[in-house]
Amino acid sequence: MAIERFIIEGDLAAESFLPWITRHLQRLGLRGVAMRREDGQVEVTLSGPEDLIDAMELGVSLGPIDVWVEAIARQRLGNEDLP
């Protein structure tokens, strides 16, 4: 099981984005939490099988219609980094 953090950049102001991320985490069977940062980016800390985390990254990059994802930075974390 992998633990990772996504830092998502782009036009992410739509209120629907965080609930969208949460739904997709659940659909893929991943555990995680998404939050909006003060700088306008969205941070997602998630855990699960690596291939499903890859699928989540792809889904987020395509995003819902009302956001524009420009970049996703991924960072591998350890258990001590979980929120």
PDB file of N, CA and C in Angstrom:
ATOM      1  N   MET A   1       0.846  -1.174   0.000  1.00  0.00           N
ATOM      2  CA  MET A   1       0.000   0.000   0.000  1.00  0.00           C
ATOM      3  C   MET A   1       0.891   1.236   0.000  1.00  0.00           C
ATOM      4  N   ALA A   2       0.588   2.174  -0.874  1.00  0.00           N
ATOM      5  CA  ALA A   2       1.345   3.417  -0.995  1.00  0.00           C
ATOM      6  C   ALA A   2       0.595   4.558  -0.308  1.00  0.00           C
ATOM      7  N   ILE A   3       1.345   5.524   0.143  1.00  0.00           N
ATOM      8  CA  ILE A   3       0.780   6.754   0.706  1.00  0.00           C
ATOM      9  C   ILE A   3       1.404   7.904  -0.072  1.00  0.00           C
ATOM     10  N   GLU A   4       0.568   8.751  -0.659  1.00  0.00           N
ATOM     11  CA  GLU A   4       1.069   9.847  -1.486  1.00  0.00           C
ATOM     12  C   GLU A   4       0.301  11.121  -1.235  1.00  0.00           C
ATOM     13  N   ARG A   5       0.910  12.221  -1.662  1.00  0.00           N
ATOM     14  CA  ARG A   5       0.256  13.523  -1.614  1.00  0.00           C
ATOM     15  C   ARG A   5       0.277  14.102  -3.022  1.00  0.00           C
ATOM     16  N   PHE A   6      -0.877  14.594  -3.466  1.00  0.00           N
ATOM     17  CA  PHE A   6      -0.979  15.327  -4.721  1.00  0.00           C
ATOM     18  C   PHE A   6      -1.111  16.806  -4.375  1.00  0.00           C
ATOM     19  N   ILE A   7      -0.365  17.643  -5.042  1.00  0.00           N
ATOM     20  CA  ILE A   7      -0.571  19.087  -4.999  1.00  0.00           C
ATOM     21  C   ILE A   7      -1.043  19.457  -6.401  1.00  0.00           C
ATOM     22  N   ILE A   8      -2.273  19.932  -6.486  1.00  0.00           N
ATOM     23  CA  ILE A   8      -2.922  20.181  -7.772  1.00  0.00           C
ATOM     24  C   ILE A   8      -2.965  21.682  -8.019  1.00  0.00           C
ATOM     25  N   GLU A   9      -2.520  22.098  -9.205  1.00  0.00           N
ATOM     26  CA  GLU A   9      -2.514  23.501  -9.597  1.00  0.00           C
ATOM     27  C   GLU A   9      -3.419  23.707 -10.797  1.00  0.00           C
ATOM     28  N   GLY A  10      -3.962  24.907 -10.909  1.00  0.00           N
ATOM     29  CA  GLY A  10      -4.788  25.253 -12.059  1.00  0.00           C
ATOM     30  C   GLY A  10      -5.923  26.163 -11.649  1.00  0.00           C
ATOM     31  N   ASP A  11      -6.966  26.176 -12.457  1.00  0.00           N
ATOM     32  CA  ASP A  11      -8.180  26.939 -12.148  1.00  0.00           C
ATOM     33  C   ASP A  11      -9.108  25.986 -11.395  1.00  0.00           C
ATOM     34  N   LEU A  12      -9.006  26.006 -10.080  1.00  0.00           N
ATOM     35  CA  LEU A  12      -9.649  25.003  -9.220  1.00  0.00           C
ATOM     36  C   LEU A  12     -10.705  25.604  -8.305  1.00  0.00           C
ATOM     37  N   ALA A  13     -11.200  26.785  -8.633  1.00  0.00           N
ATOM     38  CA  ALA A  13     -12.094  27.522  -7.738  1.00  0.00           C
ATOM     39  C   ALA A  13     -13.483  26.901  -7.583  1.00  0.00           C
ATOM     40  N   ALA A  14     -13.895  26.057  -8.488  1.00  0.00           N
ATOM     41  CA  ALA A  14     -15.245  25.486  -8.433  1.00  0.00           C
ATOM     42  C   ALA A  14     -15.459  24.726  -7.121  1.00  0.00           C
ATOM     43  N   GLU A  15     -16.560  25.031  -6.451  1.00  0.00           N
ATOM     44  CA  GLU A  15     -16.886  24.383  -5.174  1.00  0.00           C
ATOM     45  C   GLU A  15     -17.124  22.878  -5.336  1.00  0.00           C
ATOM     46  N   SER A  16     -17.420  22.439  -6.533  1.00  0.00           N
ATOM     47  CA  SER A  16     -17.707  21.022  -6.770  1.00  0.00           C
ATOM     48  C   SER A  16     -16.455  20.154  -6.799  1.00  0.00           C
ATOM     49  N   PHE A  17     -15.263  20.757  -6.855  1.00  0.00           N
ATOM     50  CA  PHE A  17     -14.046  19.971  -7.063  1.00  0.00           C
ATOM     51  C   PHE A  17     -13.714  19.066  -5.883  1.00  0.00           C
ATOM     52  N   LEU A  18     -13.740  19.566  -4.657  1.00  0.00           N
ATOM     53  CA  LEU A  18     -13.393  18.717  -3.513  1.00  0.00           C
ATOM     54  C   LEU A  18     -14.371  17.552  -3.337  1.00  0.00           C
ATOM     55  N   PRO A  19     -15.693  17.777  -3.439  1.00  0.00           N
ATOM     56  CA  PRO A  19     -16.608  16.628  -3.373  1.00  0.00           C
ATOM     57  C   PRO A  19     -16.385  15.643  -4.521  1.00  0.00           C
ATOM     58  N   TRP A  20     -16.030  16.155  -5.682  1.00  0.00           N
ATOM     59  CA  TRP A  20     -15.736  15.290  -6.843  1.00  0.00           C
ATOM     60  C   TRP A  20     -14.542  14.389  -6.523  1.00  0.00           C
ATOM     61  N   ILE A  21     -13.486  14.975  -5.949  1.00  0.00           N
ATOM     62  CA  ILE A  21     -12.304  14.190  -5.576  1.00  0.00           C
ATOM     63  C   ILE A  21     -12.688  13.117  -4.560  1.00  0.00           C
ATOM     64  N   THR A  22     -13.454  13.489  -3.545  1.00  0.00           N
ATOM     65  CA  THR A  22     -13.865  12.535  -2.511  1.00  0.00           C
ATOM     66  C   THR A  22     -14.651  11.372  -3.105  1.00  0.00           C
ATOM     67  N   ARG A  23     -15.580  11.666  -4.005  1.00  0.00           N
ATOM     68  CA  ARG A  23     -16.356  10.592  -4.660  1.00  0.00           C
ATOM     69  C   ARG A  23     -15.452   9.647  -5.434  1.00  0.00           C
ATOM     70  N   HIS A  24     -14.483  10.198  -6.149  1.00  0.00           N
ATOM     71  CA  HIS A  24     -13.602   9.351  -6.951  1.00  0.00           C
ATOM     72  C   HIS A  24     -12.639   8.542  -6.088  1.00  0.00           C
ATOM     73  N   LEU A  25     -12.205   9.099  -4.982  1.00  0.00           N
ATOM     74  CA  LEU A  25     -11.411   8.307  -4.036  1.00  0.00           C
ATOM     75  C   LEU A  25     -12.206   7.090  -3.580  1.00  0.00           C
ATOM     76  N   GLN A  26     -13.462   7.320  -3.211  1.00  0.00           N
ATOM     77  CA  GLN A  26     -14.324   6.233  -2.738  1.00  0.00           C
ATOM     78  C   GLN A  26     -14.587   5.210  -3.831  1.00  0.00           C
ATOM     79  N   ARG A  27     -14.844   5.667  -5.038  1.00  0.00           N
ATOM     80  CA  ARG A  27     -15.109   4.741  -6.147  1.00  0.00           C
ATOM     81  C   ARG A  27     -13.928   3.829  -6.425  1.00  0.00           C
ATOM     82  N   LEU A  28     -12.718   4.358  -6.245  1.00  0.00           N
ATOM     83  CA  LEU A  28     -11.519   3.556  -6.487  1.00  0.00           C
ATOM     84  C   LEU A  28     -11.108   2.743  -5.262  1.00  0.00           C
ATOM     85  N   GLY A  29     -11.804   2.930  -4.142  1.00  0.00           N
ATOM     86  CA  GLY A  29     -11.466   2.199  -2.929  1.00  0.00           C
ATOM     87  C   GLY A  29     -10.231   2.744  -2.223  1.00  0.00           C
ATOM     88  N   LEU A  30      -9.913   4.012  -2.488  1.00  0.00           N
ATOM     89  CA  LEU A  30      -8.775   4.656  -1.842  1.00  0.00           C
ATOM     90  C   LEU A  30      -9.231   5.381  -0.587  1.00  0.00           C
ATOM     91  N   ARG A  31      -8.308   5.561   0.343  1.00  0.00           N
ATOM     92  CA  ARG A  31      -8.579   6.374   1.527  1.00  0.00           C
ATOM     93  C   ARG A  31      -7.856   7.688   1.325  1.00  0.00           C
ATOM     94  N   GLY A  32      -8.498   8.779   1.696  1.00  0.00           N
ATOM     95  CA  GLY A  32      -7.817  10.047   1.519  1.00  0.00           C
ATOM     96  C   GLY A  32      -8.646  11.227   1.963  1.00  0.00           C
ATOM     97  N   VAL A  33      -7.973  12.368   1.939  1.00  0.00           N
ATOM     98  CA  VAL A  33      -8.609  13.622   2.301  1.00  0.00           C
ATOM     99  C   VAL A  33      -8.114  14.702   1.340  1.00  0.00           C
ATOM    100  N   ALA A  34      -9.044  15.546   0.901  1.00  0.00           N
ATOM    101  CA  ALA A  34      -8.712  16.653   0.003  1.00  0.00           C
ATOM    102  C   ALA A  34      -9.010  17.961   0.715  1.00  0.00           C
ATOM    103  N   MET A  35      -8.110  18.939   0.539  1.00  0.00           N
ATOM    104  CA  MET A  35      -8.353  20.248   1.139  1.00  0.00           C
ATOM    105  C   MET A  35      -7.823  21.344   0.217  1.00  0.00           C
ATOM    106  N   ARG A  36      -8.477  22.472   0.326  1.00  0.00           N
ATOM    107  CA  ARG A  36      -8.079  23.644  -0.437  1.00  0.00           C
ATOM    108  C   ARG A  36      -7.034  24.409   0.378  1.00  0.00           C
ATOM    109  N   ARG A  37      -5.925  24.761  -0.265  1.00  0.00           N
ATOM    110  CA  ARG A  37      -4.869  25.508   0.404  1.00  0.00           C
ATOM    111  C   ARG A  37      -5.074  27.001   0.213  1.00  0.00           C
ATOM    112  N   GLU A  38      -4.442  27.788   1.060  1.00  0.00           N
ATOM    113  CA  GLU A  38      -4.576  29.241   0.983  1.00  0.00           C
ATOM    114  C   GLU A  38      -4.078  29.807  -0.341  1.00  0.00           C
ATOM    115  N   ASP A  39      -3.121  29.124  -0.981  1.00  0.00           N
ATOM    116  CA  ASP A  39      -2.564  29.604  -2.245  1.00  0.00           C
ATOM    117  C   ASP A  39      -3.426  29.240  -3.457  1.00  0.00           C
ATOM    118  N   GLY A  40      -4.592  28.632  -3.217  1.00  0.00           N
ATOM    119  CA  GLY A  40      -5.506  28.277  -4.301  1.00  0.00           C
ATOM    120  C   GLY A  40      -5.310  26.877  -4.848  1.00  0.00           C
ATOM    121  N   GLN A  41      -4.235  26.226  -4.453  1.00  0.00           N
ATOM    122  CA  GLN A  41      -4.007  24.854  -4.884  1.00  0.00           C
ATOM    123  C   GLN A  41      -4.857  23.907  -4.045  1.00  0.00           C
ATOM    124  N   VAL A  42      -5.009  22.690  -4.531  1.00  0.00           N
ATOM    125  CA  VAL A  42      -5.718  21.652  -3.795  1.00  0.00           C
ATOM    126  C   VAL A  42      -4.704  20.576  -3.421  1.00  0.00           C
ATOM    127  N   GLU A  43      -4.745  20.154  -2.172  1.00  0.00           N
ATOM    128  CA  GLU A  43      -3.857  19.115  -1.665  1.00  0.00           C
ATOM    129  C   GLU A  43      -4.684  17.876  -1.344  1.00  0.00           C
ATOM    130  N   VAL A  44      -4.237  16.737  -1.837  1.00  0.00           N
ATOM    131  CA  VAL A  44      -4.908  15.464  -1.571  1.00  0.00           C
ATOM    132  C   VAL A  44      -3.873  14.509  -0.991  1.00  0.00           C
ATOM    133  N   THR A  45      -4.147  13.990   0.189  1.00  0.00           N
ATOM    134  CA  THR A  45      -3.315  12.948   0.780  1.00  0.00           C
ATOM    135  C   THR A  45      -4.125  11.665   0.707  1.00  0.00           C
ATOM    136  N   LEU A  46      -3.537  10.630   0.098  1.00  0.00           N
ATOM    137  CA  LEU A  46      -4.294   9.408  -0.147  1.00  0.00           C
ATOM    138  C   LEU A  46      -3.432   8.173   0.033  1.00  0.00           C
ATOM    139  N   SER A  47      -4.104   7.050   0.270  1.00  0.00           N
ATOM    140  CA  SER A  47      -3.400   5.782   0.414  1.00  0.00           C
ATOM    141  C   SER A  47      -4.187   4.689  -0.269  1.00  0.00           C
ATOM    142  N   GLY A  48      -3.439   3.701  -0.754  1.00  0.00           N
ATOM    143  CA  GLY A  48      -4.043   2.569  -1.436  1.00  0.00           C
ATOM    144  C   GLY A  48      -3.041   1.940  -2.377  1.00  0.00           C
ATOM    145  N   PRO A  49      -3.495   0.993  -3.179  1.00  0.00           N
ATOM    146  CA  PRO A  49      -2.603   0.357  -4.148  1.00  0.00           C
ATOM    147  C   PRO A  49      -2.079   1.375  -5.170  1.00  0.00           C
ATOM    148  N   GLU A  50      -0.809   1.225  -5.523  1.00  0.00           N
ATOM    149  CA  GLU A  50      -0.143   2.168  -6.429  1.00  0.00           C
ATOM    150  C   GLU A  50      -0.883   2.347  -7.755  1.00  0.00           C
ATOM    151  N   ASP A  51      -1.380   1.240  -8.324  1.00  0.00           N
ATOM    152  CA  ASP A  51      -2.067   1.367  -9.614  1.00  0.00           C
ATOM    153  C   ASP A  51      -3.368   2.166  -9.503  1.00  0.00           C
ATOM    154  N   LEU A  52      -4.038   2.084  -8.367  1.00  0.00           N
ATOM    155  CA  LEU A  52      -5.261   2.873  -8.174  1.00  0.00           C
ATOM    156  C   LEU A  52      -4.933   4.341  -7.903  1.00  0.00           C
ATOM    157  N   ILE A  53      -3.803   4.603  -7.253  1.00  0.00           N
ATOM    158  CA  ILE A  53      -3.361   5.985  -7.080  1.00  0.00           C
ATOM    159  C   ILE A  53      -3.018   6.581  -8.444  1.00  0.00           C
ATOM    160  N   ASP A  54      -2.389   5.790  -9.315  1.00  0.00           N
ATOM    161  CA  ASP A  54      -2.125   6.239 -10.692  1.00  0.00           C
ATOM    162  C   ASP A  54      -3.426   6.570 -11.415  1.00  0.00           C
ATOM    163  N   ALA A  55      -4.436   5.719 -11.235  1.00  0.00           N
ATOM    164  CA  ALA A  55      -5.744   5.957 -11.863  1.00  0.00           C
ATOM    165  C   ALA A  55      -6.375   7.230 -11.323  1.00  0.00           C
ATOM    166  N   MET A  56      -6.204   7.483 -10.027  1.00  0.00           N
ATOM    167  CA  MET A  56      -6.745   8.707  -9.430  1.00  0.00           C
ATOM    168  C   MET A  56      -6.059   9.931 -10.019  1.00  0.00           C
ATOM    169  N   GLU A  57      -4.750   9.860 -10.203  1.00  0.00           N
ATOM    170  CA  GLU A  57      -4.027  10.983 -10.807  1.00  0.00           C
ATOM    171  C   GLU A  57      -4.557  11.270 -12.209  1.00  0.00           C
ATOM    172  N   LEU A  58      -4.773  10.235 -12.984  1.00  0.00           N
ATOM    173  CA  LEU A  58      -5.318  10.423 -14.332  1.00  0.00           C
ATOM    174  C   LEU A  58      -6.708  11.043 -14.269  1.00  0.00           C
ATOM    175  N   GLY A  59      -7.557  10.545 -13.386  1.00  0.00           N
ATOM    176  CA  GLY A  59      -8.900  11.097 -13.248  1.00  0.00           C
ATOM    177  C   GLY A  59      -8.877  12.561 -12.842  1.00  0.00           C
ATOM    178  N   VAL A  60      -8.012  12.903 -11.889  1.00  0.00           N
ATOM    179  CA  VAL A  60      -7.914  14.292 -11.440  1.00  0.00           C
ATOM    180  C   VAL A  60      -7.390  15.180 -12.567  1.00  0.00           C
ATOM    181  N   SER A  61      -6.441  14.675 -13.348  1.00  0.00           N
ATOM    182  CA  SER A  61      -5.887  15.489 -14.430  1.00  0.00           C
ATOM    183  C   SER A  61      -6.958  15.838 -15.462  1.00  0.00           C
ATOM    184  N   LEU A  62      -7.912  14.951 -15.659  1.00  0.00           N
ATOM    185  CA  LEU A  62      -9.023  15.227 -16.575  1.00  0.00           C
ATOM    186  C   LEU A  62     -10.084  16.068 -15.893  1.00  0.00           C
ATOM    187  N   GLY A  63     -10.236  15.843 -14.585  1.00  0.00           N
ATOM    188  CA  GLY A  63     -11.106  16.651 -13.729  1.00  0.00           C
ATOM    189  C   GLY A  63     -12.544  16.767 -14.187  1.00  0.00           C
ATOM    190  N   PRO A  64     -13.362  17.385 -13.368  1.00  0.00           N
ATOM    191  CA  PRO A  64     -14.724  17.693 -13.787  1.00  0.00           C
ATOM    192  C   PRO A  64     -14.692  18.871 -14.765  1.00  0.00           C
ATOM    193  N   ILE A  65     -15.774  19.091 -15.438  1.00  0.00           N
ATOM    194  CA  ILE A  65     -15.845  20.088 -16.500  1.00  0.00           C
ATOM    195  C   ILE A  65     -15.607  21.514 -16.002  1.00  0.00           C
ATOM    196  N   ASP A  66     -15.876  21.781 -14.729  1.00  0.00           N
ATOM    197  CA  ASP A  66     -15.791  23.160 -14.233  1.00  0.00           C
ATOM    198  C   ASP A  66     -14.448  23.518 -13.603  1.00  0.00           C
ATOM    199  N   VAL A  67     -13.419  22.685 -13.770  1.00  0.00           N
ATOM    200  CA  VAL A  67     -12.065  23.023 -13.317  1.00  0.00           C
ATOM    201  C   VAL A  67     -11.071  22.786 -14.458  1.00  0.00           C
ATOM    202  N   TRP A  68      -9.915  23.417 -14.344  1.00  0.00           N
ATOM    203  CA  TRP A  68      -8.840  23.209 -15.317  1.00  0.00           C
ATOM    204  C   TRP A  68      -7.574  22.883 -14.533  1.00  0.00           C
ATOM    205  N   VAL A  69      -7.158  21.613 -14.596  1.00  0.00           N
ATOM    206  CA  VAL A  69      -5.961  21.160 -13.892  1.00  0.00           C
ATOM    207  C   VAL A  69      -4.759  21.387 -14.796  1.00  0.00           C
ATOM    208  N   GLU A  70      -3.814  22.185 -14.312  1.00  0.00           N
ATOM    209  CA  GLU A  70      -2.605  22.470 -15.080  1.00  0.00           C
ATOM    210  C   GLU A  70      -1.460  21.533 -14.724  1.00  0.00           C
ATOM    211  N   ALA A  71      -1.355  21.151 -13.450  1.00  0.00           N
ATOM    212  CA  ALA A  71      -0.255  20.287 -13.021  1.00  0.00           C
ATOM    213  C   ALA A  71      -0.634  19.565 -11.740  1.00  0.00           C
ATOM    214  N   ILE A  72      -0.055  18.373 -11.589  1.00  0.00           N
ATOM    215  CA  ILE A  72      -0.194  17.594 -10.360  1.00  0.00           C
ATOM    216  C   ILE A  72       1.206  17.167  -9.947  1.00  0.00           C
ATOM    217  N   ALA A  73       1.624  17.607  -8.773  1.00  0.00           N
ATOM    218  CA  ALA A  73       2.904  17.162  -8.215  1.00  0.00           C
ATOM    219  C   ALA A  73       2.612  16.038  -7.230  1.00  0.00           C
ATOM    220  N   ARG A  74       3.314  14.924  -7.379  1.00  0.00           N
ATOM    221  CA  ARG A  74       3.124  13.778  -6.490  1.00  0.00           C
ATOM    222  C   ARG A  74       4.315  13.635  -5.569  1.00  0.00           C
ATOM    223  N   GLN A  75       4.009  13.288  -4.334  1.00  0.00           N
ATOM    224  CA  GLN A  75       5.064  13.085  -3.341  1.00  0.00           C
ATOM    225  C   GLN A  75       4.750  11.811  -2.555  1.00  0.00           C
ATOM    226  N   ARG A  76       5.704  10.892  -2.519  1.00  0.00           N
ATOM    227  CA  ARG A  76       5.560   9.664  -1.717  1.00  0.00           C
ATOM    228  C   ARG A  76       5.732  10.025  -0.255  1.00  0.00           C
ATOM    229  N   LEU A  77       4.843   9.512   0.590  1.00  0.00           N
ATOM    230  CA  LEU A  77       4.874   9.803   2.019  1.00  0.00           C
ATOM    231  C   LEU A  77       5.073   8.521   2.816  1.00  0.00           C
ATOM    232  N   GLY A  78       5.403   8.687   4.080  1.00  0.00           N
ATOM    233  CA  GLY A  78       5.466   7.581   5.015  1.00  0.00           C
ATOM    234  C   GLY A  78       4.250   7.632   5.931  1.00  0.00           C
ATOM    235  N   ASN A  79       4.045   6.593   6.723  1.00  0.00           N
ATOM    236  CA  ASN A  79       2.889   6.542   7.630  1.00  0.00           C
ATOM    237  C   ASN A  79       2.830   7.724   8.583  1.00  0.00           C
ATOM    238  N   GLU A  80       3.979   8.257   8.967  1.00  0.00           N
ATOM    239  CA  GLU A  80       3.997   9.368   9.904  1.00  0.00           C
ATOM    240  C   GLU A  80       3.466  10.680   9.283  1.00  0.00           C
ATOM    241  N   ASP A  81       3.320  10.715   7.951  1.00  0.00           N
ATOM    242  CA  ASP A  81       2.839  11.907   7.266  1.00  0.00           C
ATOM    243  C   ASP A  81       1.341  11.946   7.071  1.00  0.00           C
ATOM    244  N   LEU A  82       0.632  10.894   7.460  1.00  0.00           N
ATOM    245  CA  LEU A  82      -0.822  10.874   7.273  1.00  0.00           C
ATOM    246  C   LEU A  82      -1.495  11.901   8.168  1.00  0.00           C
ATOM    247  N   PRO A  83      -2.547  12.566   7.633  1.00  0.00           N
ATOM    248  CA  PRO A  83      -3.261  13.551   8.461  1.00  0.00           C
ATOM    249  C   PRO A  83      -4.061  12.886   9.555  1.00  0.00           C
TER     250      PRO A  83
END
